[in-house]
Amino acid sequence: MNIEDLDPEVSKVIKKSTPERQAEALQLLEMMSGVTGEPPKVWAGGIIGFGSYHYKYDSGREGDWLLTGFSIRKSALSIYIISGFDLHKTIMQKLGKYKIGKSCLYVKGLTEIDPDQLKQLIQGSVDHIRSSH
């Protein structure tokens, strides 16, 4: 996969980062496209997302959001695991070095985590969201 062959918006987001982050972005693009079967799309100005689902809260608020995706930051990659992490405890124990937010996995670099475990985590999250929405 080549940055120049991507959607211009996606390419623009990736090109803003360092060569190392660009290489990691290409790895995530390949992995997430393979898991979702969807092309990358830019969401919210800087998130590269794959697929979408419709959500509706009890409050009546509703919208569409990505199935999975990532953001490129200087200090870390933010990988969006929409299902959260409670469903994936076994994978999380084997993943490597990371921090988490509600549905965001922060890694300093892809070399710090096990790529097979990351792929399983993304697959599990996507499968869960698809089956529950």
N, C-alpha and C. Protein backbone atom coordinates (compact mmCIF):
# COMPACT_ATOMS: atom_id res chain seq x y z
N MET A 1 0.85 -1.17 0.00
CA MET A 1 0.00 0.00 0.00
C MET A 1 0.90 1.24 0.00
N ASN A 2 0.52 2.22 -0.80
CA ASN A 2 1.29 3.44 -0.96
C ASN A 2 0.42 4.64 -0.57
N ILE A 3 0.99 5.60 0.12
CA ILE A 3 0.24 6.79 0.54
C ILE A 3 -0.37 7.51 -0.65
N GLU A 4 0.35 7.55 -1.75
CA GLU A 4 -0.13 8.26 -2.95
C GLU A 4 -1.36 7.61 -3.56
N ASP A 5 -1.59 6.33 -3.29
CA ASP A 5 -2.73 5.62 -3.87
C ASP A 5 -4.01 5.76 -3.04
N LEU A 6 -3.91 6.41 -1.90
CA LEU A 6 -5.05 6.53 -0.99
C LEU A 6 -5.96 7.69 -1.39
N ASP A 7 -7.13 7.71 -0.78
CA ASP A 7 -8.03 8.85 -0.90
C ASP A 7 -7.24 10.10 -0.50
N PRO A 8 -7.39 11.20 -1.26
CA PRO A 8 -6.59 12.39 -0.97
C PRO A 8 -6.71 12.91 0.47
N GLU A 9 -7.89 12.84 1.06
CA GLU A 9 -8.06 13.29 2.45
C GLU A 9 -7.27 12.42 3.41
N VAL A 10 -7.32 11.12 3.21
CA VAL A 10 -6.58 10.18 4.05
C VAL A 10 -5.08 10.40 3.88
N SER A 11 -4.65 10.54 2.66
CA SER A 11 -3.25 10.78 2.36
C SER A 11 -2.75 12.05 3.04
N LYS A 12 -3.56 13.10 3.00
CA LYS A 12 -3.20 14.38 3.60
C LYS A 12 -2.97 14.24 5.11
N VAL A 13 -3.85 13.52 5.79
CA VAL A 13 -3.71 13.30 7.23
C VAL A 13 -2.42 12.55 7.53
N ILE A 14 -2.13 11.51 6.79
CA ILE A 14 -0.94 10.69 7.03
C ILE A 14 0.33 11.47 6.75
N LYS A 15 0.33 12.26 5.69
CA LYS A 15 1.54 13.00 5.29
C LYS A 15 1.95 14.06 6.31
N LYS A 16 1.05 14.45 7.21
CA LYS A 16 1.37 15.44 8.24
C LYS A 16 2.28 14.86 9.32
N SER A 17 2.46 13.57 9.33
CA SER A 17 3.23 12.90 10.39
C SER A 17 4.65 12.56 9.94
N THR A 18 5.43 12.06 10.88
CA THR A 18 6.82 11.67 10.61
C THR A 18 6.85 10.43 9.71
N PRO A 19 7.98 10.16 9.07
CA PRO A 19 8.09 8.94 8.25
C PRO A 19 7.80 7.66 9.06
N GLU A 20 8.22 7.62 10.31
CA GLU A 20 7.95 6.44 11.15
C GLU A 20 6.45 6.28 11.38
N ARG A 21 5.77 7.38 11.69
CA ARG A 21 4.31 7.32 11.90
C ARG A 21 3.59 6.99 10.59
N GLN A 22 4.11 7.47 9.48
CA GLN A 22 3.50 7.14 8.19
C GLN A 22 3.55 5.64 7.94
N ALA A 23 4.69 5.02 8.24
CA ALA A 23 4.83 3.58 8.06
C ALA A 23 3.86 2.83 8.97
N GLU A 24 3.71 3.29 10.20
CA GLU A 24 2.76 2.66 11.13
C GLU A 24 1.32 2.85 10.64
N ALA A 25 1.03 4.02 10.11
CA ALA A 25 -0.31 4.28 9.58
C ALA A 25 -0.63 3.33 8.44
N LEU A 26 0.33 3.07 7.57
CA LEU A 26 0.11 2.13 6.47
C LEU A 26 -0.14 0.72 6.99
N GLN A 27 0.55 0.33 8.06
CA GLN A 27 0.30 -0.99 8.67
C GLN A 27 -1.12 -1.05 9.22
N LEU A 28 -1.55 0.01 9.91
CA LEU A 28 -2.91 0.04 10.46
C LEU A 28 -3.96 0.08 9.36
N LEU A 29 -3.68 0.82 8.30
CA LEU A 29 -4.61 0.87 7.16
C LEU A 29 -4.85 -0.52 6.60
N GLU A 30 -3.77 -1.24 6.40
CA GLU A 30 -3.87 -2.59 5.84
C GLU A 30 -4.65 -3.51 6.80
N MET A 31 -4.30 -3.45 8.09
CA MET A 31 -4.94 -4.31 9.07
C MET A 31 -6.44 -3.99 9.19
N MET A 32 -6.77 -2.73 9.32
CA MET A 32 -8.16 -2.35 9.54
C MET A 32 -9.02 -2.52 8.30
N SER A 33 -8.44 -2.28 7.14
CA SER A 33 -9.17 -2.54 5.88
C SER A 33 -9.46 -4.02 5.75
N GLY A 34 -8.48 -4.85 6.11
CA GLY A 34 -8.66 -6.30 6.05
C GLY A 34 -9.74 -6.79 7.01
N VAL A 35 -9.76 -6.25 8.21
CA VAL A 35 -10.74 -6.67 9.21
C VAL A 35 -12.14 -6.23 8.83
N THR A 36 -12.28 -4.97 8.42
CA THR A 36 -13.62 -4.42 8.18
C THR A 36 -14.13 -4.64 6.76
N GLY A 37 -13.20 -4.81 5.80
CA GLY A 37 -13.61 -4.87 4.40
C GLY A 37 -14.02 -3.50 3.88
N GLU A 38 -13.66 -2.45 4.60
CA GLU A 38 -14.05 -1.09 4.25
C GLU A 38 -12.83 -0.24 3.93
N PRO A 39 -12.98 0.75 3.06
CA PRO A 39 -11.87 1.67 2.77
C PRO A 39 -11.74 2.71 3.88
N PRO A 40 -10.56 3.31 4.02
CA PRO A 40 -10.39 4.35 5.03
C PRO A 40 -11.10 5.64 4.62
N LYS A 41 -11.55 6.38 5.64
CA LYS A 41 -12.24 7.65 5.43
C LYS A 41 -11.84 8.56 6.59
N VAL A 42 -11.71 9.85 6.34
CA VAL A 42 -11.38 10.78 7.41
C VAL A 42 -12.65 11.21 8.12
N TRP A 43 -12.60 11.09 9.45
CA TRP A 43 -13.71 11.48 10.33
C TRP A 43 -13.22 12.61 11.24
N ALA A 44 -14.08 13.54 11.53
CA ALA A 44 -13.81 14.59 12.53
C ALA A 44 -12.48 15.30 12.28
N GLY A 45 -12.09 15.45 11.04
CA GLY A 45 -10.91 16.22 10.70
C GLY A 45 -9.56 15.55 10.82
N GLY A 46 -9.46 14.41 11.53
CA GLY A 46 -8.14 13.82 11.66
C GLY A 46 -8.13 12.36 12.05
N ILE A 47 -9.29 11.77 12.25
CA ILE A 47 -9.37 10.34 12.57
C ILE A 47 -9.53 9.58 11.25
N ILE A 48 -8.72 8.56 11.07
CA ILE A 48 -8.88 7.70 9.90
C ILE A 48 -9.72 6.52 10.34
N GLY A 49 -10.93 6.42 9.80
CA GLY A 49 -11.88 5.41 10.24
C GLY A 49 -12.27 4.46 9.14
N PHE A 50 -12.83 3.33 9.57
CA PHE A 50 -13.23 2.25 8.66
C PHE A 50 -14.65 1.83 9.00
N GLY A 51 -15.52 1.82 8.01
CA GLY A 51 -16.89 1.41 8.23
C GLY A 51 -17.62 2.39 9.14
N SER A 52 -18.89 2.10 9.39
CA SER A 52 -19.67 2.96 10.28
C SER A 52 -20.83 2.16 10.86
N TYR A 53 -21.39 2.70 11.91
CA TYR A 53 -22.59 2.13 12.50
C TYR A 53 -23.44 3.27 13.03
N HIS A 54 -24.72 3.02 13.22
CA HIS A 54 -25.64 4.03 13.73
C HIS A 54 -25.90 3.73 15.20
N TYR A 55 -25.78 4.73 16.05
CA TYR A 55 -26.06 4.56 17.47
C TYR A 55 -27.22 5.45 17.88
N LYS A 56 -27.91 5.04 18.94
CA LYS A 56 -28.98 5.84 19.51
C LYS A 56 -28.98 5.61 21.02
N TYR A 57 -28.82 6.70 21.76
CA TYR A 57 -28.82 6.64 23.22
C TYR A 57 -30.24 6.74 23.76
N ASP A 58 -30.41 6.31 24.99
CA ASP A 58 -31.72 6.42 25.65
C ASP A 58 -32.20 7.87 25.71
N SER A 59 -31.29 8.81 25.73
CA SER A 59 -31.62 10.24 25.77
C SER A 59 -32.25 10.72 24.46
N GLY A 60 -32.14 9.89 23.42
CA GLY A 60 -32.65 10.28 22.11
C GLY A 60 -31.56 10.76 21.16
N ARG A 61 -30.39 11.04 21.71
CA ARG A 61 -29.27 11.45 20.87
C ARG A 61 -28.86 10.28 19.99
N GLU A 62 -28.61 10.56 18.71
CA GLU A 62 -28.19 9.50 17.80
C GLU A 62 -27.25 10.06 16.74
N GLY A 63 -26.57 9.15 16.07
CA GLY A 63 -25.64 9.56 15.03
C GLY A 63 -24.95 8.36 14.42
N ASP A 64 -23.97 8.65 13.61
CA ASP A 64 -23.16 7.62 12.97
C ASP A 64 -21.73 7.79 13.41
N TRP A 65 -21.03 6.68 13.58
CA TRP A 65 -19.63 6.73 13.99
C TRP A 65 -18.89 5.58 13.34
N LEU A 66 -17.58 5.65 13.36
CA LEU A 66 -16.73 4.65 12.73
C LEU A 66 -16.75 3.32 13.51
N LEU A 67 -16.55 2.22 12.80
CA LEU A 67 -16.44 0.91 13.46
C LEU A 67 -15.10 0.77 14.18
N THR A 68 -14.06 1.23 13.55
CA THR A 68 -12.72 1.25 14.13
C THR A 68 -11.92 2.28 13.37
N GLY A 69 -10.79 2.66 13.92
CA GLY A 69 -9.96 3.64 13.26
C GLY A 69 -8.77 4.03 14.12
N PHE A 70 -8.08 5.06 13.69
CA PHE A 70 -6.91 5.52 14.45
C PHE A 70 -6.63 6.99 14.16
N SER A 71 -5.91 7.59 15.09
CA SER A 71 -5.40 8.95 14.94
C SER A 71 -3.90 8.90 15.13
N ILE A 72 -3.21 9.74 14.40
CA ILE A 72 -1.76 9.81 14.51
C ILE A 72 -1.42 11.02 15.37
N ARG A 73 -0.75 10.77 16.48
CA ARG A 73 -0.29 11.83 17.38
C ARG A 73 1.23 11.73 17.50
N LYS A 74 1.86 12.82 17.91
CA LYS A 74 3.32 12.79 18.07
C LYS A 74 3.74 11.79 19.14
N SER A 75 3.03 11.79 20.27
CA SER A 75 3.45 10.97 21.40
C SER A 75 2.90 9.55 21.36
N ALA A 76 1.82 9.33 20.62
CA ALA A 76 1.21 7.99 20.59
C ALA A 76 0.26 7.85 19.40
N LEU A 77 -0.01 6.62 19.06
CA LEU A 77 -1.09 6.31 18.12
C LEU A 77 -2.34 6.08 18.97
N SER A 78 -3.44 6.64 18.55
CA SER A 78 -4.72 6.40 19.22
C SER A 78 -5.51 5.46 18.34
N ILE A 79 -5.80 4.27 18.85
CA ILE A 79 -6.52 3.26 18.09
C ILE A 79 -7.90 3.10 18.71
N TYR A 80 -8.94 3.29 17.91
CA TYR A 80 -10.31 3.30 18.41
C TYR A 80 -10.91 1.90 18.43
N ILE A 81 -11.14 1.42 19.65
CA ILE A 81 -11.76 0.11 19.89
C ILE A 81 -13.14 0.42 20.46
N ILE A 82 -14.11 0.55 19.58
CA ILE A 82 -15.42 1.09 19.93
C ILE A 82 -16.17 0.25 20.96
N SER A 83 -15.94 -1.03 21.00
CA SER A 83 -16.62 -1.88 21.97
C SER A 83 -16.10 -1.68 23.39
N GLY A 84 -15.00 -0.96 23.54
CA GLY A 84 -14.35 -0.85 24.84
C GLY A 84 -13.46 -2.08 25.05
N PHE A 85 -12.98 -2.26 26.28
CA PHE A 85 -11.98 -3.29 26.52
C PHE A 85 -12.43 -4.42 27.43
N ASP A 86 -13.56 -4.26 28.09
CA ASP A 86 -14.03 -5.29 29.03
C ASP A 86 -14.28 -6.64 28.36
N LEU A 87 -14.69 -6.63 27.11
CA LEU A 87 -14.97 -7.87 26.38
C LEU A 87 -13.70 -8.59 25.93
N HIS A 88 -12.56 -7.95 26.07
CA HIS A 88 -11.32 -8.44 25.46
C HIS A 88 -10.19 -8.60 26.47
N LYS A 89 -10.50 -9.00 27.68
CA LYS A 89 -9.51 -9.05 28.77
C LYS A 89 -8.33 -9.97 28.46
N THR A 90 -8.58 -11.12 27.87
CA THR A 90 -7.50 -12.05 27.56
C THR A 90 -6.54 -11.45 26.55
N ILE A 91 -7.07 -10.83 25.52
CA ILE A 91 -6.23 -10.18 24.51
C ILE A 91 -5.42 -9.05 25.15
N MET A 92 -6.05 -8.27 26.00
CA MET A 92 -5.38 -7.13 26.61
C MET A 92 -4.18 -7.57 27.45
N GLN A 93 -4.27 -8.74 28.05
CA GLN A 93 -3.16 -9.26 28.87
C GLN A 93 -1.96 -9.63 28.00
N LYS A 94 -2.19 -9.95 26.75
CA LYS A 94 -1.12 -10.39 25.84
C LYS A 94 -0.65 -9.30 24.88
N LEU A 95 -1.32 -8.15 24.90
CA LEU A 95 -1.11 -7.13 23.87
C LEU A 95 0.26 -6.46 23.92
N GLY A 96 0.74 -6.11 25.09
CA GLY A 96 2.03 -5.41 25.18
C GLY A 96 1.88 -4.14 26.00
N LYS A 97 2.65 -3.09 25.63
CA LYS A 97 2.65 -1.83 26.36
C LYS A 97 1.63 -0.87 25.76
N TYR A 98 0.70 -0.40 26.59
CA TYR A 98 -0.35 0.50 26.13
C TYR A 98 -0.98 1.22 27.31
N LYS A 99 -1.80 2.21 26.99
CA LYS A 99 -2.69 2.87 27.94
C LYS A 99 -4.06 2.86 27.29
N ILE A 100 -5.10 2.98 28.11
CA ILE A 100 -6.44 3.00 27.53
C ILE A 100 -7.28 4.15 28.08
N GLY A 101 -8.24 4.55 27.27
CA GLY A 101 -9.32 5.43 27.66
C GLY A 101 -10.59 4.62 27.52
N LYS A 102 -11.73 5.27 27.48
CA LYS A 102 -12.99 4.53 27.39
C LYS A 102 -13.04 3.58 26.19
N SER A 103 -12.72 4.07 25.03
CA SER A 103 -12.69 3.20 23.84
C SER A 103 -11.48 3.52 22.97
N CYS A 104 -10.42 3.97 23.62
CA CYS A 104 -9.23 4.35 22.88
C CYS A 104 -8.00 3.66 23.47
N LEU A 105 -7.25 3.03 22.60
CA LEU A 105 -6.01 2.36 22.95
C LEU A 105 -4.87 3.28 22.52
N TYR A 106 -4.01 3.65 23.46
CA TYR A 106 -2.89 4.52 23.17
C TYR A 106 -1.61 3.70 23.18
N VAL A 107 -0.88 3.72 22.08
CA VAL A 107 0.41 3.02 22.02
C VAL A 107 1.46 3.98 21.49
N LYS A 108 2.66 3.90 22.07
CA LYS A 108 3.75 4.79 21.64
C LYS A 108 4.20 4.43 20.23
N GLY A 109 4.06 3.16 19.87
CA GLY A 109 4.43 2.70 18.54
C GLY A 109 3.97 1.26 18.37
N LEU A 110 3.81 0.85 17.15
CA LEU A 110 3.33 -0.51 16.89
C LEU A 110 4.33 -1.58 17.31
N THR A 111 5.61 -1.21 17.45
CA THR A 111 6.60 -2.18 17.90
C THR A 111 6.41 -2.54 19.37
N GLU A 112 5.61 -1.78 20.09
CA GLU A 112 5.39 -2.02 21.53
C GLU A 112 4.26 -3.01 21.79
N ILE A 113 3.54 -3.40 20.75
CA ILE A 113 2.41 -4.31 20.94
C ILE A 113 2.49 -5.47 19.94
N ASP A 114 1.79 -6.54 20.29
CA ASP A 114 1.75 -7.74 19.44
C ASP A 114 0.73 -7.51 18.32
N PRO A 115 1.17 -7.51 17.06
CA PRO A 115 0.25 -7.23 15.96
C PRO A 115 -0.87 -8.26 15.82
N ASP A 116 -0.60 -9.51 16.14
CA ASP A 116 -1.66 -10.53 16.06
C ASP A 116 -2.74 -10.27 17.10
N GLN A 117 -2.33 -9.87 18.30
CA GLN A 117 -3.30 -9.56 19.35
C GLN A 117 -4.09 -8.30 19.00
N LEU A 118 -3.41 -7.31 18.40
CA LEU A 118 -4.11 -6.09 17.97
C LEU A 118 -5.17 -6.42 16.94
N LYS A 119 -4.82 -7.25 15.99
CA LYS A 119 -5.78 -7.63 14.95
C LYS A 119 -6.98 -8.35 15.55
N GLN A 120 -6.73 -9.24 16.51
CA GLN A 120 -7.83 -9.94 17.19
C GLN A 120 -8.70 -8.95 17.97
N LEU A 121 -8.08 -7.97 18.61
CA LEU A 121 -8.81 -6.95 19.34
C LEU A 121 -9.72 -6.15 18.42
N ILE A 122 -9.17 -5.71 17.31
CA ILE A 122 -9.95 -4.95 16.33
C ILE A 122 -11.09 -5.80 15.79
N GLN A 123 -10.79 -7.05 15.43
CA GLN A 123 -11.82 -7.95 14.90
C GLN A 123 -12.94 -8.17 15.92
N GLY A 124 -12.57 -8.42 17.17
CA GLY A 124 -13.57 -8.63 18.21
C GLY A 124 -14.45 -7.42 18.41
N SER A 125 -13.86 -6.24 18.40
CA SER A 125 -14.63 -5.02 18.57
C SER A 125 -15.58 -4.80 17.39
N VAL A 126 -15.07 -4.94 16.18
CA VAL A 126 -15.89 -4.75 14.97
C VAL A 126 -17.04 -5.76 14.96
N ASP A 127 -16.75 -7.01 15.26
CA ASP A 127 -17.80 -8.04 15.28
C ASP A 127 -18.88 -7.69 16.31
N HIS A 128 -18.44 -7.24 17.49
CA HIS A 128 -19.39 -6.90 18.55
C HIS A 128 -20.29 -5.73 18.13
N ILE A 129 -19.69 -4.68 17.58
CA ILE A 129 -20.47 -3.50 17.18
C ILE A 129 -21.42 -3.86 16.05
N ARG A 130 -20.95 -4.62 15.08
CA ARG A 130 -21.83 -5.03 13.97
C ARG A 130 -23.01 -5.87 14.46
N SER A 131 -22.77 -6.74 15.42
CA SER A 131 -23.85 -7.60 15.89
C SER A 131 -24.81 -6.91 16.85
N SER A 132 -24.38 -5.80 17.45
CA SER A 132 -25.23 -5.14 18.43
C SER A 132 -25.87 -3.83 17.91
N HIS A 133 -25.56 -3.45 16.70
CA HIS A 133 -26.15 -2.21 16.15
C HIS A 133 -26.75 -2.48 14.80
